[in-house]
Amino acid sequence: MAIFRAYAKVLEPTDPSVRLYEAGLWGGCGGRQPGWTLAELLERTGGVYETTAPLTPRLRADIREAAELTSDAGLLTVAELFEVPVPLEHLRGLDPQTRISVRAQLMYEGDEGLRMTHAGAKRHPALATIMPDGTVFAGDMSPEDVRSWIQNADRG
C-alpha cells in the first residue's frame, strides 16, 4: 500500500538540496538557501508550531492514481487537497535560525511504483549528480558515467 507523508525536519548538510546549493547549482527560491529557518516558519504561522506543505498537481495525480490502484479511501481524500498540515512541535526548543525542510511525499511499497502510469514516462534530465563521496557534478550523468567515476575514484 502506498504511503503518503508530510513532515518537517532539520535540513542536514547531507541533504541533496544543501549539496546543490553549496555547489552553486541550487536554482530554487531565487538562489536563497534551501529550506526555511524555524523563525521564518513560525513568523509565517503566527507562532503556531504547525505549517502546511503544498501538493503539486503532479503529486496529487500520483496520490489519486495510487489511491485508485490500492482502493485506499484515505489517500483519495489527500489527493483532493491542495496543501496538508505539517506539525512542527517536535522542533520546539531548536535555535530559531535552524534551517528546516518541509516536505510531502508518496512512497510506494513492493512493485506499486512500477504499476503507476508515470513509471514508464520519459525521465527528465537531472540538474546535478551527487556522487557517493558527496562530489557534485552539474548536469545528468548516465549510469555508465557514474560507474566509471566510482571505479576511477576507488583507484585514486
C-alpha atoms as a PDB file:
ATOM      1  CA  MET A   1       0.000   0.000   0.000  1.00  0.00           C
ATOM      2  CA  ALA A   2       1.367   3.438  -0.933  1.00  0.00           C
ATOM      3  CA  ILE A   3       2.192   5.697   1.990  1.00  0.00           C
ATOM      4  CA  PHE A   4       1.764   9.464   1.950  1.00  0.00           C
ATOM      5  CA  ARG A   5       3.607  11.552   4.479  1.00  0.00           C
ATOM      6  CA  ALA A   6       4.141  15.239   5.103  1.00  0.00           C
ATOM      7  CA  TYR A   7       6.838  16.230   7.546  1.00  0.00           C
ATOM      8  CA  ALA A   8       9.285  18.853   8.731  1.00  0.00           C
ATOM      9  CA  LYS A   9      12.868  18.032   9.613  1.00  0.00           C
ATOM     10  CA  VAL A  10      16.148  19.770  10.289  1.00  0.00           C
ATOM     11  CA  LEU A  11      17.933  20.347   6.996  1.00  0.00           C
ATOM     12  CA  GLU A  12      21.148  18.349   7.289  1.00  0.00           C
ATOM     13  CA  PRO A  13      24.387  19.137   5.391  1.00  0.00           C
ATOM     14  CA  THR A  14      23.989  15.836   3.501  1.00  0.00           C
ATOM     15  CA  ASP A  15      20.559  16.754   2.102  1.00  0.00           C
ATOM     16  CA  PRO A  16      20.710  16.907  -1.711  1.00  0.00           C
ATOM     17  CA  SER A  17      19.290  20.444  -1.797  1.00  0.00           C
ATOM     18  CA  VAL A  18      22.064  21.646   0.544  1.00  0.00           C
ATOM     19  CA  ARG A  19      24.713  19.885  -1.562  1.00  0.00           C
ATOM     20  CA  LEU A  20      23.354  21.533  -4.719  1.00  0.00           C
ATOM     21  CA  TYR A  21      23.290  24.939  -3.020  1.00  0.00           C
ATOM     22  CA  GLU A  22      26.897  24.561  -1.842  1.00  0.00           C
ATOM     23  CA  ALA A  23      27.945  23.563  -5.367  1.00  0.00           C
ATOM     24  CA  GLY A  24      26.271  26.704  -6.781  1.00  0.00           C
ATOM     25  CA  LEU A  25      23.639  24.671  -8.628  1.00  0.00           C
ATOM     26  CA  TRP A  26      20.590  25.402  -6.477  1.00  0.00           C
ATOM     27  CA  GLY A  27      18.033  27.282  -8.525  1.00  0.00           C
ATOM     28  CA  GLY A  28      15.142  27.148  -6.073  1.00  0.00           C
ATOM     29  CA  CYS A  29      13.686  30.186  -4.339  1.00  0.00           C
ATOM     30  CA  GLY A  30      15.624  32.792  -6.314  1.00  0.00           C
ATOM     31  CA  GLY A  31      19.012  31.494  -5.213  1.00  0.00           C
ATOM     32  CA  ARG A  32      18.294  31.661  -1.474  1.00  0.00           C
ATOM     33  CA  GLN A  33      19.336  28.771   0.736  1.00  0.00           C
ATOM     34  CA  PRO A  34      17.102  25.699   0.673  1.00  0.00           C
ATOM     35  CA  GLY A  35      14.527  25.260   3.399  1.00  0.00           C
ATOM     36  CA  TRP A  36      13.289  27.814   5.891  1.00  0.00           C
ATOM     37  CA  THR A  37      14.644  28.937   9.212  1.00  0.00           C
ATOM     38  CA  LEU A  38      12.447  27.877  12.109  1.00  0.00           C
ATOM     39  CA  ALA A  39      11.953  31.592  12.841  1.00  0.00           C
ATOM     40  CA  GLU A  40      10.624  32.170   9.293  1.00  0.00           C
ATOM     41  CA  LEU A  41       8.189  29.265   9.620  1.00  0.00           C
ATOM     42  CA  LEU A  42       6.942  30.482  12.989  1.00  0.00           C
ATOM     43  CA  GLU A  43       6.567  34.026  11.665  1.00  0.00           C
ATOM     44  CA  ARG A  44       4.516  32.655   8.762  1.00  0.00           C
ATOM     45  CA  THR A  45       2.255  30.716  11.140  1.00  0.00           C
ATOM     46  CA  GLY A  46       1.910  33.435  13.771  1.00  0.00           C
ATOM     47  CA  GLY A  47       3.935  31.423  16.286  1.00  0.00           C
ATOM     48  CA  VAL A  48       1.898  28.245  15.899  1.00  0.00           C
ATOM     49  CA  TYR A  49       4.026  25.096  15.687  1.00  0.00           C
ATOM     50  CA  GLU A  50       2.239  23.835  12.579  1.00  0.00           C
ATOM     51  CA  THR A  51       2.645  24.780   8.935  1.00  0.00           C
ATOM     52  CA  THR A  52       1.428  23.418   5.612  1.00  0.00           C
ATOM     53  CA  ALA A  53       3.057  21.692   2.676  1.00  0.00           C
ATOM     54  CA  PRO A  54       1.665  22.384  -0.795  1.00  0.00           C
ATOM     55  CA  LEU A  55       0.770  19.429  -3.013  1.00  0.00           C
ATOM     56  CA  THR A  56       1.795  19.917  -6.632  1.00  0.00           C
ATOM     57  CA  PRO A  57      -0.633  18.874  -9.360  1.00  0.00           C
ATOM     58  CA  ARG A  58       1.731  16.020 -10.293  1.00  0.00           C
ATOM     59  CA  LEU A  59       1.905  14.737  -6.715  1.00  0.00           C
ATOM     60  CA  ARG A  60      -1.885  14.987  -6.355  1.00  0.00           C
ATOM     61  CA  ALA A  61      -2.305  12.987  -9.576  1.00  0.00           C
ATOM     62  CA  ASP A  62       0.146  10.349  -8.330  1.00  0.00           C
ATOM     63  CA  ILE A  63      -1.668  10.135  -4.983  1.00  0.00           C
ATOM     64  CA  ARG A  64      -5.013   9.800  -6.777  1.00  0.00           C
ATOM     65  CA  GLU A  65      -3.669   7.051  -9.033  1.00  0.00           C
ATOM     66  CA  ALA A  66      -2.150   5.164  -6.081  1.00  0.00           C
ATOM     67  CA  ALA A  67      -5.422   5.521  -4.160  1.00  0.00           C
ATOM     68  CA  GLU A  68      -7.405   4.089  -7.056  1.00  0.00           C
ATOM     69  CA  LEU A  69      -4.868   1.316  -7.631  1.00  0.00           C
ATOM     70  CA  THR A  70      -4.984   0.240  -3.967  1.00  0.00           C
ATOM     71  CA  SER A  71      -8.592   1.221  -3.154  1.00  0.00           C
ATOM     72  CA  ASP A  72      -7.314   3.486  -0.379  1.00  0.00           C
ATOM     73  CA  ALA A  73     -10.025   5.978   0.605  1.00  0.00           C
ATOM     74  CA  GLY A  74      -7.618   7.902   2.872  1.00  0.00           C
ATOM     75  CA  LEU A  75      -5.202   8.534   0.008  1.00  0.00           C
ATOM     76  CA  LEU A  76      -8.085   9.570  -2.225  1.00  0.00           C
ATOM     77  CA  THR A  77      -9.056  12.201   0.362  1.00  0.00           C
ATOM     78  CA  VAL A  78      -5.465  13.534   0.397  1.00  0.00           C
ATOM     79  CA  ALA A  79      -5.472  13.719  -3.425  1.00  0.00           C
ATOM     80  CA  GLU A  80      -8.272  16.302  -3.239  1.00  0.00           C
ATOM     81  CA  LEU A  81      -6.237  18.678  -1.075  1.00  0.00           C
ATOM     82  CA  PHE A  82      -4.001  21.498  -2.312  1.00  0.00           C
ATOM     83  CA  GLU A  83      -1.952  21.563   0.883  1.00  0.00           C
ATOM     84  CA  VAL A  84      -1.636  19.441   4.010  1.00  0.00           C
ATOM     85  CA  PRO A  85      -0.867  20.315   7.625  1.00  0.00           C
ATOM     86  CA  VAL A  86       2.641  19.615   8.907  1.00  0.00           C
ATOM     87  CA  PRO A  87       3.311  19.622  12.654  1.00  0.00           C
ATOM     88  CA  LEU A  88       6.360  21.495  13.935  1.00  0.00           C
ATOM     89  CA  GLU A  89       6.006  20.688  17.647  1.00  0.00           C
ATOM     90  CA  HIS A  90       8.987  18.291  17.553  1.00  0.00           C
ATOM     91  CA  LEU A  91      11.158  21.280  16.573  1.00  0.00           C
ATOM     92  CA  ARG A  92      10.288  23.279  19.690  1.00  0.00           C
ATOM     93  CA  GLY A  93      13.415  24.359  21.544  1.00  0.00           C
ATOM     94  CA  LEU A  94      15.692  24.432  18.490  1.00  0.00           C
ATOM     95  CA  ASP A  95      17.699  27.535  17.627  1.00  0.00           C
ATOM     96  CA  PRO A  96      15.345  29.794  15.619  1.00  0.00           C
ATOM     97  CA  GLN A  97      17.987  30.014  12.850  1.00  0.00           C
ATOM     98  CA  THR A  98      17.995  26.232  12.310  1.00  0.00           C
ATOM     99  CA  ARG A  99      17.118  25.518   8.687  1.00  0.00           C
ATOM    100  CA  ILE A 100      14.061  23.306   8.262  1.00  0.00           C
ATOM    101  CA  SER A 101      12.856  21.293   5.314  1.00  0.00           C
ATOM    102  CA  VAL A 102       9.090  20.858   4.888  1.00  0.00           C
ATOM    103  CA  ARG A 103       8.162  18.076   2.502  1.00  0.00           C
ATOM    104  CA  ALA A 104       5.288  15.963   1.269  1.00  0.00           C
ATOM    105  CA  GLN A 105       5.944  12.675  -0.473  1.00  0.00           C
ATOM    106  CA  LEU A 106       4.332   9.492  -1.676  1.00  0.00           C
ATOM    107  CA  MET A 107       6.265   6.280  -1.127  1.00  0.00           C
ATOM    108  CA  TYR A 108       5.428   3.022  -2.815  1.00  0.00           C
ATOM    109  CA  GLU A 109       5.677  -0.470  -1.399  1.00  0.00           C
ATOM    110  CA  GLY A 110       6.676  -3.506  -3.408  1.00  0.00           C
ATOM    111  CA  ASP A 111       6.024  -3.077  -7.114  1.00  0.00           C
ATOM    112  CA  GLU A 112       3.322  -0.400  -6.739  1.00  0.00           C
ATOM    113  CA  GLY A 113       5.534   2.282  -8.270  1.00  0.00           C
ATOM    114  CA  LEU A 114       6.084   0.140 -11.348  1.00  0.00           C
ATOM    115  CA  ARG A 115       2.328  -0.198 -11.858  1.00  0.00           C
ATOM    116  CA  MET A 116       1.792   3.564 -11.928  1.00  0.00           C
ATOM    117  CA  THR A 117       1.283   5.091 -15.378  1.00  0.00           C
ATOM    118  CA  HIS A 118       4.112   7.599 -14.903  1.00  0.00           C
ATOM    119  CA  ALA A 119       6.585   4.777 -14.179  1.00  0.00           C
ATOM    120  CA  GLY A 120       7.339   4.445 -17.866  1.00  0.00           C
ATOM    121  CA  ALA A 121       7.225   8.166 -18.526  1.00  0.00           C
ATOM    122  CA  LYS A 122      10.195   9.930 -20.040  1.00  0.00           C
ATOM    123  CA  ARG A 123      12.823  10.709 -17.425  1.00  0.00           C
ATOM    124  CA  HIS A 124      13.761  14.374 -17.127  1.00  0.00           C
ATOM    125  CA  PRO A 125      17.484  15.184 -17.097  1.00  0.00           C
ATOM    126  CA  ALA A 126      18.908  15.849 -13.670  1.00  0.00           C
ATOM    127  CA  LEU A 127      20.067  19.282 -12.559  1.00  0.00           C
ATOM    128  CA  ALA A 128      23.096  17.643 -10.994  1.00  0.00           C
ATOM    129  CA  THR A 129      24.538  14.297  -9.974  1.00  0.00           C
ATOM    130  CA  ILE A 130      25.709  13.753  -6.398  1.00  0.00           C
ATOM    131  CA  MET A 131      28.324  11.020  -6.098  1.00  0.00           C
ATOM    132  CA  PRO A 132      28.670   8.671  -3.103  1.00  0.00           C
ATOM    133  CA  ASP A 133      31.557  10.724  -1.669  1.00  0.00           C
ATOM    134  CA  GLY A 134      29.474  13.907  -1.916  1.00  0.00           C
ATOM    135  CA  THR A 135      31.104  15.315  -5.060  1.00  0.00           C
ATOM    136  CA  VAL A 136      28.537  17.256  -7.081  1.00  0.00           C
ATOM    137  CA  PHE A 137      28.605  17.419 -10.880  1.00  0.00           C
ATOM    138  CA  ALA A 138      26.412  19.785 -12.860  1.00  0.00           C
ATOM    139  CA  GLY A 139      24.006  18.002 -15.175  1.00  0.00           C
ATOM    140  CA  ASP A 140      22.937  14.449 -15.700  1.00  0.00           C
ATOM    141  CA  MET A 141      25.380  11.559 -15.625  1.00  0.00           C
ATOM    142  CA  SER A 142      24.499   8.277 -17.242  1.00  0.00           C
ATOM    143  CA  PRO A 143      24.717   5.126 -15.099  1.00  0.00           C
ATOM    144  CA  GLU A 144      27.823   4.169 -17.104  1.00  0.00           C
ATOM    145  CA  ASP A 145      29.472   7.530 -16.297  1.00  0.00           C
ATOM    146  CA  VAL A 146      28.684   7.036 -12.612  1.00  0.00           C
ATOM    147  CA  ARG A 147      30.147   3.511 -12.588  1.00  0.00           C
ATOM    148  CA  SER A 148      33.273   4.728 -14.394  1.00  0.00           C
ATOM    149  CA  TRP A 149      33.712   7.618 -11.941  1.00  0.00           C
ATOM    150  CA  ILE A 150      33.338   5.284  -8.946  1.00  0.00           C
ATOM    151  CA  GLN A 151      35.863   2.814 -10.383  1.00  0.00           C
ATOM    152  CA  ASN A 152      38.387   5.605 -11.015  1.00  0.00           C
ATOM    153  CA  ALA A 153      37.756   7.129  -7.579  1.00  0.00           C
ATOM    154  CA  ASP A 154      38.397   3.740  -5.946  1.00  0.00           C
ATOM    155  CA  ARG A 155      41.793   3.589  -7.686  1.00  0.00           C
ATOM    156  CA  GLY A 156      42.793   7.090  -6.581  1.00  0.00           C
END
